[in-house]
Amino acid sequence: TPGRYRIDFHVGDYFTGTGGGDDIAFLDVVPVEFGINDGDGHYHIPLLISPYGYSTYRGS
């Protein structure tokens, strides 16, 4: 359905659960807000994360 959406990536849980970071993660939740115009389209929203930064984009 066309509209505005939000995905919350709980990266703090991921990093503390894998032992790949500090006891308290630098990043906790990464919100990604985006809009969809074509309700029948396919949307892929990659999130590239490290313990101290992230990047996202509309994938193919």
Protein backbone atom coordinates (compact mmCIF):
# COMPACT_ATOMS: atom_id res chain seq x y z
CA THR A 1 0.00 0.00 0.00
CA PRO A 2 1.45 3.42 -0.90
CA GLY A 3 2.45 5.55 2.08
CA ARG A 4 5.14 6.39 4.61
CA TYR A 5 6.74 3.57 6.58
CA ARG A 6 9.34 3.07 9.30
CA ILE A 7 11.53 0.09 10.15
CA ASP A 8 13.38 -0.02 13.47
CA PHE A 9 16.54 -2.12 13.35
CA HIS A 10 17.51 -3.16 16.90
CA VAL A 11 21.24 -3.27 16.27
CA GLY A 12 22.23 -2.88 19.92
CA ASP A 13 20.63 -6.25 20.70
CA TYR A 14 22.50 -7.75 17.74
CA PHE A 15 25.94 -6.46 18.75
CA THR A 16 25.64 -7.27 22.45
CA GLY A 17 24.24 -10.72 21.61
CA THR A 18 27.12 -11.63 19.29
CA GLY A 19 29.85 -10.45 21.64
CA GLY A 20 31.02 -8.14 18.85
CA GLY A 21 30.91 -4.95 20.86
CA ASP A 22 30.94 -3.34 24.27
CA ASP A 23 28.57 -4.25 27.10
CA ILE A 24 26.49 -1.22 26.14
CA ALA A 25 26.21 -0.76 22.37
CA PHE A 26 27.02 2.65 20.89
CA LEU A 27 24.04 2.32 18.52
CA ASP A 28 20.84 0.87 19.95
CA VAL A 29 17.98 1.31 17.47
CA VAL A 30 18.43 2.56 13.88
CA PRO A 31 15.15 3.94 12.50
CA VAL A 32 14.75 3.98 8.71
CA GLU A 33 11.81 6.00 7.38
CA PHE A 34 10.84 5.70 3.72
CA GLY A 35 7.99 6.25 1.28
CA ILE A 36 6.36 3.82 -1.13
CA ASN A 37 4.54 5.06 -4.23
CA ASP A 38 3.93 1.75 -6.02
CA GLY A 39 2.00 -0.62 -3.78
CA ASP A 40 2.72 -3.51 -6.15
CA GLY A 41 6.47 -2.86 -6.31
CA HIS A 42 9.25 -4.81 -4.63
CA TYR A 43 11.26 -2.93 -2.03
CA HIS A 44 14.57 -4.02 -0.55
CA ILE A 45 16.08 -1.82 2.16
CA PRO A 46 19.59 -2.98 3.06
CA LEU A 47 21.24 -1.81 6.27
CA LEU A 48 25.03 -2.00 6.43
CA ILE A 49 26.10 -1.82 10.06
CA SER A 50 29.22 -1.73 12.18
CA PRO A 51 29.38 -1.21 15.95
CA TYR A 52 29.81 2.55 15.39
CA GLY A 53 28.01 3.47 12.15
CA TYR A 54 25.54 2.47 9.47
CA SER A 55 24.43 3.13 5.90
CA THR A 56 21.19 2.36 4.12
CA TYR A 57 19.79 2.76 0.61
CA ARG A 58 17.03 1.50 -1.64
CA GLY A 59 18.26 -1.79 -3.02
CA SER A 60 17.31 -3.40 -6.29
